[in-house]
PDB file of N, CA and C in Angstrom:
ATOM      1  N   UNK A   1     -42.766 119.691 -73.108  1.00  0.00           N
ATOM      2  CA  UNK A   1     -43.828 120.439 -73.732  1.00  0.00           C
ATOM      3  C   UNK A   1     -44.527 119.555 -74.768  1.00  0.00           C
ATOM      4  N   UNK A   2     -45.849 119.589 -74.766  1.00  0.00           N
ATOM      5  CA  UNK A   2     -46.615 118.802 -75.749  1.00  0.00           C
ATOM      6  C   UNK A   2     -46.454 119.405 -77.136  1.00  0.00           C
ATOM      7  N   UNK A   3     -46.399 118.555 -78.159  1.00  0.00           N
ATOM      8  CA  UNK A   3     -46.285 119.087 -79.522  1.00  0.00           C
ATOM      9  C   UNK A   3     -47.568 119.798 -79.935  1.00  0.00           C
ATOM     10  N   UNK A   4     -47.417 120.809 -80.760  1.00  0.00           N
ATOM     11  CA  UNK A   4     -48.553 121.500 -81.380  1.00  0.00           C
ATOM     12  C   UNK A   4     -48.886 120.711 -82.632  1.00  0.00           C
ATOM     13  N   UNK A   5     -50.171 120.393 -82.824  1.00  0.00           N
ATOM     14  CA  UNK A   5     -50.568 119.462 -83.882  1.00  0.00           C
ATOM     15  C   UNK A   5     -51.517 120.120 -84.882  1.00  0.00           C
ATOM     16  N   UNK A   6     -51.318 119.772 -86.158  1.00  0.00           N
ATOM     17  CA  UNK A   6     -52.248 120.103 -87.238  1.00  0.00           C
ATOM     18  C   UNK A   6     -52.542 118.803 -87.969  1.00  0.00           C
ATOM     19  N   UNK A   7     -53.820 118.561 -88.267  1.00  0.00           N
ATOM     20  CA  UNK A   7     -54.219 117.307 -88.909  1.00  0.00           C
ATOM     21  C   UNK A   7     -54.554 117.496 -90.379  1.00  0.00           C
ATOM     22  N   UNK A   8     -53.935 116.640 -91.196  1.00  0.00           N
ATOM     23  CA  UNK A   8     -54.233 116.538 -92.624  1.00  0.00           C
ATOM     24  C   UNK A   8     -55.093 115.288 -92.769  1.00  0.00           C
ATOM     25  N   UNK A   9     -56.338 115.461 -93.171  1.00  0.00           N
ATOM     26  CA  UNK A   9     -57.315 114.373 -93.136  1.00  0.00           C
ATOM     27  C   UNK A   9     -57.230 113.439 -94.338  1.00  0.00           C
ATOM     28  N   UNK A  10     -57.033 113.986 -95.523  1.00  0.00           N
ATOM     29  CA  UNK A  10     -57.076 113.201 -96.759  1.00  0.00           C
ATOM     30  C   UNK A  10     -55.772 113.378 -97.526  1.00  0.00           C
ATOM     31  N   UNK A  11     -55.374 112.361 -98.275  1.00  0.00           N
ATOM     32  CA  UNK A  11     -54.139 112.430 -99.064  1.00  0.00           C
ATOM     33  C   UNK A  11     -54.152 113.574-100.078  1.00  0.00           C
ATOM     34  N   UNK A  12     -55.342 113.982-100.552  1.00  0.00           N
ATOM     35  CA  UNK A  12     -55.455 115.070-101.529  1.00  0.00           C
ATOM     36  C   UNK A  12     -55.310 116.451-100.903  1.00  0.00           C
ATOM     37  N   UNK A  13     -55.419 116.533 -99.587  1.00  0.00           N
ATOM     38  CA  UNK A  13     -55.429 117.826 -98.898  1.00  0.00           C
ATOM     39  C   UNK A  13     -54.102 118.559 -99.049  1.00  0.00           C
ATOM     40  N   UNK A  14     -54.198 119.879 -99.241  1.00  0.00           N
ATOM     41  CA  UNK A  14     -52.999 120.716 -99.226  1.00  0.00           C
ATOM     42  C   UNK A  14     -53.026 121.695 -98.047  1.00  0.00           C
ATOM     43  N   UNK A  15     -53.990 121.492 -97.141  1.00  0.00           N
ATOM     44  CA  UNK A  15     -54.052 122.235 -95.884  1.00  0.00           C
ATOM     45  C   UNK A  15     -54.276 121.251 -94.737  1.00  0.00           C
ATOM     46  N   UNK A  16     -53.906 121.689 -93.543  1.00  0.00           N
ATOM     47  CA  UNK A  16     -54.131 120.914 -92.328  1.00  0.00           C
ATOM     48  C   UNK A  16     -54.765 121.845 -91.299  1.00  0.00           C
ATOM     49  N   UNK A  17     -55.605 121.293 -90.433  1.00  0.00           N
ATOM     50  CA  UNK A  17     -56.280 122.070 -89.402  1.00  0.00           C
ATOM     51  C   UNK A  17     -55.481 122.029 -88.111  1.00  0.00           C
ATOM     52  N   UNK A  18     -55.240 123.208 -87.541  1.00  0.00           N
ATOM     53  CA  UNK A  18     -54.458 123.344 -86.316  1.00  0.00           C
ATOM     54  C   UNK A  18     -55.344 123.056 -85.101  1.00  0.00           C
ATOM     55  N   UNK A  19     -54.887 122.141 -84.252  1.00  0.00           N
ATOM     56  CA  UNK A  19     -55.597 121.801 -83.022  1.00  0.00           C
ATOM     57  C   UNK A  19     -54.724 122.145 -81.825  1.00  0.00           C
ATOM     58  N   UNK A  20     -54.433 123.430 -81.678  1.00  0.00           N
ATOM     59  CA  UNK A  20     -53.637 123.934 -80.561  1.00  0.00           C
ATOM     60  C   UNK A  20     -53.917 125.425 -80.422  1.00  0.00           C
ATOM     61  N   UNK A  21     -53.815 125.915 -79.217  1.00  0.00           N
ATOM     62  CA  UNK A  21     -53.940 127.347 -78.948  1.00  0.00           C
ATOM     63  C   UNK A  21     -52.570 127.993 -78.917  1.00  0.00           C
ATOM     64  N   UNK A  22     -52.552 129.299 -79.086  1.00  0.00           N
ATOM     65  CA  UNK A  22     -51.316 130.049 -78.937  1.00  0.00           C
ATOM     66  C   UNK A  22     -50.314 129.852 -80.049  1.00  0.00           C
ATOM     67  N   UNK A  23     -50.784 129.574 -81.257  1.00  0.00           N
ATOM     68  CA  UNK A  23     -49.863 129.388 -82.384  1.00  0.00           C
ATOM     69  C   UNK A  23     -49.574 130.754 -83.000  1.00  0.00           C
ATOM     70  N   UNK A  24     -48.347 131.206 -82.841  1.00  0.00           N
ATOM     71  CA  UNK A  24     -47.942 132.490 -83.399  1.00  0.00           C
ATOM     72  C   UNK A  24     -46.859 132.266 -84.449  1.00  0.00           C
ATOM     73  N   UNK A  25     -46.597 133.321 -85.188  1.00  0.00           N
ATOM     74  CA  UNK A  25     -45.608 133.259 -86.260  1.00  0.00           C
ATOM     75  C   UNK A  25     -44.306 132.632 -85.770  1.00  0.00           C
ATOM     76  N   UNK A  26     -43.834 131.599 -86.475  1.00  0.00           N
ATOM     77  CA  UNK A  26     -42.591 130.931 -86.139  1.00  0.00           C
ATOM     78  C   UNK A  26     -42.733 129.713 -85.241  1.00  0.00           C
ATOM     79  N   UNK A  27     -43.934 129.480 -84.702  1.00  0.00           N
ATOM     80  CA  UNK A  27     -44.157 128.296 -83.860  1.00  0.00           C
ATOM     81  C   UNK A  27     -43.999 127.033 -84.701  1.00  0.00           C
ATOM     82  N   UNK A  28     -43.349 126.011 -84.153  1.00  0.00           N
ATOM     83  CA  UNK A  28     -43.243 124.734 -84.860  1.00  0.00           C
ATOM     84  C   UNK A  28     -44.481 123.889 -84.561  1.00  0.00           C
ATOM     85  N   UNK A  29     -45.078 123.380 -85.614  1.00  0.00           N
ATOM     86  CA  UNK A  29     -46.277 122.542 -85.545  1.00  0.00           C
ATOM     87  C   UNK A  29     -45.980 121.230 -86.248  1.00  0.00           C
ATOM     88  N   UNK A  30     -46.522 120.137 -85.723  1.00  0.00           N
ATOM     89  CA  UNK A  30     -46.409 118.836 -86.383  1.00  0.00           C
ATOM     90  C   UNK A  30     -47.647 118.598 -87.233  1.00  0.00           C
ATOM     91  N   UNK A  31     -47.459 118.477 -88.544  1.00  0.00           N
ATOM     92  CA  UNK A  31     -48.557 118.093 -89.430  1.00  0.00           C
ATOM     93  C   UNK A  31     -48.611 116.577 -89.415  1.00  0.00           C
ATOM     94  N   UNK A  32     -49.755 116.043 -89.013  1.00  0.00           N
ATOM     95  CA  UNK A  32     -49.929 114.588 -88.943  1.00  0.00           C
ATOM     96  C   UNK A  32     -51.021 114.165 -89.913  1.00  0.00           C
ATOM     97  N   UNK A  33     -50.827 112.983 -90.523  1.00  0.00           N
ATOM     98  CA  UNK A  33     -51.843 112.450 -91.429  1.00  0.00           C
ATOM     99  C   UNK A  33     -52.366 111.116 -90.904  1.00  0.00           C
ATOM    100  N   UNK A  34     -53.328 110.549 -91.620  1.00  0.00           N
ATOM    101  CA  UNK A  34     -53.989 109.324 -91.156  1.00  0.00           C
ATOM    102  C   UNK A  34     -53.077 108.097 -91.198  1.00  0.00           C
ATOM    103  N   UNK A  35     -51.961 108.189 -91.916  1.00  0.00           N
ATOM    104  CA  UNK A  35     -51.007 107.079 -91.964  1.00  0.00           C
ATOM    105  C   UNK A  35     -50.033 107.123 -90.796  1.00  0.00           C
ATOM    106  N   UNK A  36     -50.104 108.202 -90.022  1.00  0.00           N
ATOM    107  CA  UNK A  36     -49.195 108.351 -88.895  1.00  0.00           C
ATOM    108  C   UNK A  36     -47.933 109.128 -89.220  1.00  0.00           C
ATOM    109  N   UNK A  37     -47.821 109.605 -90.464  1.00  0.00           N
ATOM    110  CA  UNK A  37     -46.654 110.402 -90.845  1.00  0.00           C
ATOM    111  C   UNK A  37     -46.707 111.757 -90.141  1.00  0.00           C
ATOM    112  N   UNK A  38     -45.544 112.235 -89.737  1.00  0.00           N
ATOM    113  CA  UNK A  38     -45.422 113.526 -89.061  1.00  0.00           C
ATOM    114  C   UNK A  38     -44.434 114.377 -89.830  1.00  0.00           C
ATOM    115  N   UNK A  39     -44.846 115.616 -90.133  1.00  0.00           N
ATOM    116  CA  UNK A  39     -43.998 116.543 -90.860  1.00  0.00           C
ATOM    117  C   UNK A  39     -43.965 117.877 -90.102  1.00  0.00           C
ATOM    118  N   UNK A  40     -42.839 118.219 -89.483  1.00  0.00           N
ATOM    119  CA  UNK A  40     -42.779 119.490 -88.762  1.00  0.00           C
ATOM    120  C   UNK A  40     -42.726 120.673 -89.721  1.00  0.00           C
ATOM    121  N   UNK A  41     -43.328 121.779 -89.303  1.00  0.00           N
ATOM    122  CA  UNK A  41     -43.310 123.004 -90.096  1.00  0.00           C
ATOM    123  C   UNK A  41     -43.320 124.197 -89.147  1.00  0.00           C
ATOM    124  N   UNK A  42     -42.618 125.236 -89.538  1.00  0.00           N
ATOM    125  CA  UNK A  42     -42.643 126.497 -88.807  1.00  0.00           C
ATOM    126  C   UNK A  42     -43.739 127.351 -89.439  1.00  0.00           C
ATOM    127  N   UNK A  43     -44.745 127.735 -88.652  1.00  0.00           N
ATOM    128  CA  UNK A  43     -45.896 128.432 -89.227  1.00  0.00           C
ATOM    129  C   UNK A  43     -45.574 129.879 -89.559  1.00  0.00           C
ATOM    130  N   UNK A  44     -46.288 130.378 -90.545  1.00  0.00           N
ATOM    131  CA  UNK A  44     -46.167 131.763 -90.992  1.00  0.00           C
ATOM    132  C   UNK A  44     -47.474 132.450 -90.649  1.00  0.00           C
ATOM    133  N   UNK A  45     -47.433 133.353 -89.701  1.00  0.00           N
ATOM    134  CA  UNK A  45     -48.628 134.070 -89.250  1.00  0.00           C
ATOM    135  C   UNK A  45     -49.135 133.500 -87.937  1.00  0.00           C
ATOM    136  N   UNK A  46     -50.062 134.203 -87.328  1.00  0.00           N
ATOM    137  CA  UNK A  46     -50.713 133.745 -86.106  1.00  0.00           C
ATOM    138  C   UNK A  46     -51.931 132.925 -86.510  1.00  0.00           C
ATOM    139  N   UNK A  47     -52.058 131.716 -85.958  1.00  0.00           N
ATOM    140  CA  UNK A  47     -53.086 130.772 -86.399  1.00  0.00           C
ATOM    141  C   UNK A  47     -54.052 130.494 -85.241  1.00  0.00           C
ATOM    142  N   UNK A  48     -55.324 130.867 -85.377  1.00  0.00           N
ATOM    143  CA  UNK A  48     -56.297 130.524 -84.342  1.00  0.00           C
ATOM    144  C   UNK A  48     -56.590 129.020 -84.329  1.00  0.00           C
ATOM    145  N   UNK A  49     -56.993 128.517 -83.181  1.00  0.00           N
ATOM    146  CA  UNK A  49     -57.391 127.108 -83.031  1.00  0.00           C
ATOM    147  C   UNK A  49     -58.456 126.778 -84.082  1.00  0.00           C
ATOM    148  N   UNK A  50     -58.281 125.637 -84.761  1.00  0.00           N
ATOM    149  CA  UNK A  50     -59.267 125.176 -85.735  1.00  0.00           C
ATOM    150  C   UNK A  50     -59.129 125.770 -87.126  1.00  0.00           C
ATOM    151  N   UNK A  51     -58.118 126.613 -87.333  1.00  0.00           N
ATOM    152  CA  UNK A  51     -57.912 127.202 -88.653  1.00  0.00           C
ATOM    153  C   UNK A  51     -56.850 126.417 -89.420  1.00  0.00           C
ATOM    154  N   UNK A  52     -56.627 126.791 -90.678  1.00  0.00           N
ATOM    155  CA  UNK A  52     -55.817 126.004 -91.605  1.00  0.00           C
ATOM    156  C   UNK A  52     -54.440 126.590 -91.851  1.00  0.00           C
ATOM    157  N   UNK A  53     -53.490 125.665 -92.090  1.00  0.00           N
ATOM    158  CA  UNK A  53     -52.177 126.040 -92.602  1.00  0.00           C
ATOM    159  C   UNK A  53     -51.907 125.209 -93.863  1.00  0.00           C
ATOM    160  N   UNK A  54     -51.067 125.751 -94.730  1.00  0.00           N
ATOM    161  CA  UNK A  54     -50.692 125.039 -95.956  1.00  0.00           C
ATOM    162  C   UNK A  54     -49.681 123.947 -95.627  1.00  0.00           C
ATOM    163  N   UNK A  55     -49.904 122.744 -96.158  1.00  0.00           N
ATOM    164  CA  UNK A  55     -48.959 121.643 -95.933  1.00  0.00           C
ATOM    165  C   UNK A  55     -47.865 121.624 -96.998  1.00  0.00           C
ATOM    166  N   UNK A  56     -48.045 122.415 -98.042  1.00  0.00           N
ATOM    167  CA  UNK A  56     -47.055 122.572 -99.103  1.00  0.00           C
ATOM    168  C   UNK A  56     -47.304 123.924 -99.754  1.00  0.00           C
ATOM    169  N   UNK A  57     -46.395 124.370-100.589  1.00  0.00           N
ATOM    170  CA  UNK A  57     -46.624 125.608-101.331  1.00  0.00           C
ATOM    171  C   UNK A  57     -47.846 125.424-102.232  1.00  0.00           C
ATOM    172  N   UNK A  58     -48.689 126.455-102.293  1.00  0.00           N
ATOM    173  CA  UNK A  58     -49.899 126.442-103.117  1.00  0.00           C
ATOM    174  C   UNK A  58     -49.825 127.665-104.031  1.00  0.00           C
ATOM    175  N   UNK A  59     -49.997 127.432-105.313  1.00  0.00           N
ATOM    176  CA  UNK A  59     -49.917 128.528-106.286  1.00  0.00           C
ATOM    177  C   UNK A  59     -51.239 129.285-106.387  1.00  0.00           C
ATOM    178  N   UNK A  60     -51.160 130.572-106.702  1.00  0.00           N
ATOM    179  CA  UNK A  60     -52.359 131.379-106.926  1.00  0.00           C
ATOM    180  C   UNK A  60     -53.236 130.687-107.977  1.00  0.00           C
ATOM    181  N   UNK A  61     -54.524 130.584-107.707  1.00  0.00           N
ATOM    182  CA  UNK A  61     -55.469 129.946-108.618  1.00  0.00           C
ATOM    183  C   UNK A  61     -55.678 128.466-108.349  1.00  0.00           C
ATOM    184  N   UNK A  62     -54.770 127.843-107.621  1.00  0.00           N
ATOM    185  CA  UNK A  62     -54.871 126.414-107.310  1.00  0.00           C
ATOM    186  C   UNK A  62     -55.996 126.179-106.292  1.00  0.00           C
ATOM    187  N   UNK A  63     -56.630 125.023-106.382  1.00  0.00           N
ATOM    188  CA  UNK A  63     -57.692 124.662-105.439  1.00  0.00           C
ATOM    189  C   UNK A  63     -57.119 124.446-104.043  1.00  0.00           C
ATOM    190  N   UNK A  64     -57.852 124.916-103.041  1.00  0.00           N
ATOM    191  CA  UNK A  64     -57.538 124.632-101.642  1.00  0.00           C
ATOM    192  C   UNK A  64     -58.314 123.361-101.301  1.00  0.00           C
ATOM    193  N   UNK A  65     -57.589 122.315-100.921  1.00  0.00           N
ATOM    194  CA  UNK A  65     -58.196 121.004-100.675  1.00  0.00           C
ATOM    195  C   UNK A  65     -58.217 120.685 -99.182  1.00  0.00           C
ATOM    196  N   UNK A  66     -59.419 120.380 -98.669  1.00  0.00           N
ATOM    197  CA  UNK A  66     -59.595 119.981 -97.273  1.00  0.00           C
ATOM    198  C   UNK A  66     -60.626 118.865 -97.269  1.00  0.00           C
ATOM    199  N   UNK A  67     -60.376 117.819 -96.513  1.00  0.00           N
ATOM    200  CA  UNK A  67     -61.234 116.629 -96.464  1.00  0.00           C
ATOM    201  C   UNK A  67     -61.369 115.985 -97.848  1.00  0.00           C
ATOM    202  N   UNK A  68     -60.363 116.173 -98.707  1.00  0.00           N
ATOM    203  CA  UNK A  68     -60.381 115.587-100.037  1.00  0.00           C
ATOM    204  C   UNK A  68     -61.246 116.335-101.033  1.00  0.00           C
ATOM    205  N   UNK A  69     -61.771 117.502-100.650  1.00  0.00           N
ATOM    206  CA  UNK A  69     -62.656 118.301-101.498  1.00  0.00           C
ATOM    207  C   UNK A  69     -62.117 119.718-101.632  1.00  0.00           C
ATOM    208  N   UNK A  70     -62.407 120.349-102.767  1.00  0.00           N
ATOM    209  CA  UNK A  70     -62.033 121.741-102.946  1.00  0.00           C
ATOM    210  C   UNK A  70     -62.952 122.624-102.109  1.00  0.00           C
ATOM    211  N   UNK A  71     -62.354 123.482-101.281  1.00  0.00           N
ATOM    212  CA  UNK A  71     -63.151 124.411-100.468  1.00  0.00           C
ATOM    213  C   UNK A  71     -62.982 125.844-100.955  1.00  0.00           C
ATOM    214  N   UNK A  72     -62.225 126.037-102.019  1.00  0.00           N
ATOM    215  CA  UNK A  72     -61.996 127.358-102.585  1.00  0.00           C
ATOM    216  C   UNK A  72     -60.728 127.356-103.409  1.00  0.00           C
ATOM    217  N   UNK A  73     -60.285 128.557-103.732  1.00  0.00           N
ATOM    218  CA  UNK A  73     -59.070 128.690-104.523  1.00  0.00           C
ATOM    219  C   UNK A  73     -58.127 129.694-103.894  1.00  0.00           C
ATOM    220  N   UNK A  74     -56.853 129.516-104.141  1.00  0.00           N
ATOM    221  CA  UNK A  74     -55.847 130.438-103.621  1.00  0.00           C
ATOM    222  C   UNK A  74     -55.928 131.749-104.399  1.00  0.00           C
ATOM    223  N   UNK A  75     -56.102 132.865-103.695  1.00  0.00           N
ATOM    224  CA  UNK A  75     -56.152 134.177-104.349  1.00  0.00           C
ATOM    225  C   UNK A  75     -54.770 134.809-104.425  1.00  0.00           C
ATOM    226  N   UNK A  76     -53.772 134.117-103.851  1.00  0.00           N
ATOM    227  CA  UNK A  76     -52.365 134.543-103.889  1.00  0.00           C
ATOM    228  C   UNK A  76     -51.511 133.302-103.688  1.00  0.00           C
ATOM    229  N   UNK A  77     -50.234 133.396-103.989  1.00  0.00           N
ATOM    230  CA  UNK A  77     -49.333 132.289-103.675  1.00  0.00           C
ATOM    231  C   UNK A  77     -49.281 132.114-102.165  1.00  0.00           C
ATOM    232  N   UNK A  78     -49.290 130.858-101.700  1.00  0.00           N
ATOM    233  CA  UNK A  78     -49.283 130.544-100.270  1.00  0.00           C
ATOM    234  C   UNK A  78     -48.096 129.630-100.009  1.00  0.00           C
ATOM    235  N   UNK A  79     -47.295 129.979 -99.014  1.00  0.00           N
ATOM    236  CA  UNK A  79     -46.114 129.179 -98.680  1.00  0.00           C
ATOM    237  C   UNK A  79     -46.474 128.073 -97.678  1.00  0.00           C
ATOM    238  N   UNK A  80     -45.690 127.013 -97.693  1.00  0.00           N
ATOM    239  CA  UNK A  80     -45.852 125.920 -96.733  1.00  0.00           C
ATOM    240  C   UNK A  80     -45.792 126.494 -95.318  1.00  0.00           C
ATOM    241  N   UNK A  81     -46.777 126.148 -94.496  1.00  0.00           N
ATOM    242  CA  UNK A  81     -46.827 126.629 -93.119  1.00  0.00           C
ATOM    243  C   UNK A  81     -47.615 127.917 -92.943  1.00  0.00           C
ATOM    244  N   UNK A  82     -47.988 128.549 -94.040  1.00  0.00           N
ATOM    245  CA  UNK A  82     -48.695 129.828 -93.960  1.00  0.00           C
ATOM    246  C   UNK A  82     -50.173 129.627 -93.598  1.00  0.00           C
ATOM    247  N   UNK A  83     -50.703 130.599 -92.870  1.00  0.00           N
ATOM    248  CA  UNK A  83     -52.116 130.646 -92.510  1.00  0.00           C
ATOM    249  C   UNK A  83     -52.944 130.740 -93.785  1.00  0.00           C
ATOM    250  N   UNK A  84     -53.944 129.874 -93.930  1.00  0.00           N
ATOM    251  CA  UNK A  84     -54.828 129.878 -95.093  1.00  0.00           C
ATOM    252  C   UNK A  84     -56.213 130.291 -94.613  1.00  0.00           C
ATOM    253  N   UNK A  85     -56.664 131.447 -95.096  1.00  0.00           N
ATOM    254  CA  UNK A  85     -57.962 131.986 -94.672  1.00  0.00           C
ATOM    255  C   UNK A  85     -58.432 132.996 -95.722  1.00  0.00           C
ATOM    256  N   UNK A  86     -59.391 133.826 -95.382  1.00  0.00           N
ATOM    257  CA  UNK A  86     -60.020 134.713 -96.365  1.00  0.00           C
ATOM    258  C   UNK A  86     -59.071 135.740 -96.983  1.00  0.00           C
ATOM    259  N   UNK A  87     -57.919 135.974 -96.371  1.00  0.00           N
ATOM    260  CA  UNK A  87     -56.969 136.939 -96.933  1.00  0.00           C
ATOM    261  C   UNK A  87     -56.179 136.369 -98.112  1.00  0.00           C
ATOM    262  N   UNK A  88     -56.170 135.022 -98.275  1.00  0.00           N
ATOM    263  CA  UNK A  88     -55.411 134.434 -99.387  1.00  0.00           C
ATOM    264  C   UNK A  88     -56.149 133.287-100.076  1.00  0.00           C
ATOM    265  N   UNK A  89     -57.452 133.165 -99.798  1.00  0.00           N
ATOM    266  CA  UNK A  89     -58.281 132.199-100.535  1.00  0.00           C
ATOM    267  C   UNK A  89     -59.652 132.798-100.766  1.00  0.00           C
ATOM    268  N   UNK A  90     -60.303 132.309-101.797  1.00  0.00           N
ATOM    269  CA  UNK A  90     -61.654 132.766-102.088  1.00  0.00           C
ATOM    270  C   UNK A  90     -62.570 131.565-102.258  1.00  0.00           C
ATOM    271  N   UNK A  91     -63.796 131.721-101.812  1.00  0.00           N
ATOM    272  CA  UNK A  91     -64.796 130.662-101.962  1.00  0.00           C
ATOM    273  C   UNK A  91     -65.175 130.547-103.421  1.00  0.00           C
ATOM    274  N   UNK A  92     -65.452 129.329-103.838  1.00  0.00           N
ATOM    275  CA  UNK A  92     -65.872 129.117-105.233  1.00  0.00           C
ATOM    276  C   UNK A  92     -67.224 128.430-105.305  1.00  0.00           C
ATOM    277  N   UNK A  93     -67.745 128.024-104.182  1.00  0.00           N
ATOM    278  CA  UNK A  93     -69.042 127.338-104.185  1.00  0.00           C
ATOM    279  C   UNK A  93     -70.179 128.340-104.200  1.00  0.00           C
ATOM    280  N   UNK A  94     -71.192 128.054-104.997  1.00  0.00           N
ATOM    281  CA  UNK A  94     -72.404 128.866-105.013  1.00  0.00           C
ATOM    282  C   UNK A  94     -72.269 130.226-105.656  1.00  0.00           C
ATOM    283  N   UNK A  95     -71.136 130.486-106.325  1.00  0.00           N
ATOM    284  CA  UNK A  95     -70.947 131.801-106.954  1.00  0.00           C
ATOM    285  C   UNK A  95     -71.697 131.907-108.269  1.00  0.00           C
ATOM    286  N   UNK A  96     -71.836 130.818-108.985  1.00  0.00           N
ATOM    287  CA  UNK A  96     -72.542 130.844-110.251  1.00  0.00           C
ATOM    288  C   UNK A  96     -71.719 131.314-111.438  1.00  0.00           C
ATOM    289  N   UNK A  97     -70.487 131.743-111.206  1.00  0.00           N
ATOM    290  CA  UNK A  97     -69.670 132.237-112.317  1.00  0.00           C
ATOM    291  C   UNK A  97     -68.515 131.306-112.668  1.00  0.00           C
ATOM    292  N   UNK A  98     -68.424 130.160-112.011  1.00  0.00           N
ATOM    293  CA  UNK A  98     -67.327 129.236-112.300  1.00  0.00           C
ATOM    294  C   UNK A  98     -67.827 127.968-112.916  1.00  0.00           C
TER     295      UNK A  98
END
């Protein structure tokens, strides 16, 4: 069976993008980075193709980092391997209040 892969693009990133279909709660995914390092993780939640998982625990209020840039903030504590999306992160760009 081919490994299920999630890519972490930048060293600052705390999320990785899943490039596999059929990722359901408990599926093992390999988080790979640009250095070739591989870190297996059991995912928490069902993850659609192209969506994000946490590569480490992220605290509520902490920036969500993708491509080396903040794409929002954690609206709740997020565990390593957990699905990161609108249910546990909030956008911070263009709001005018931050």
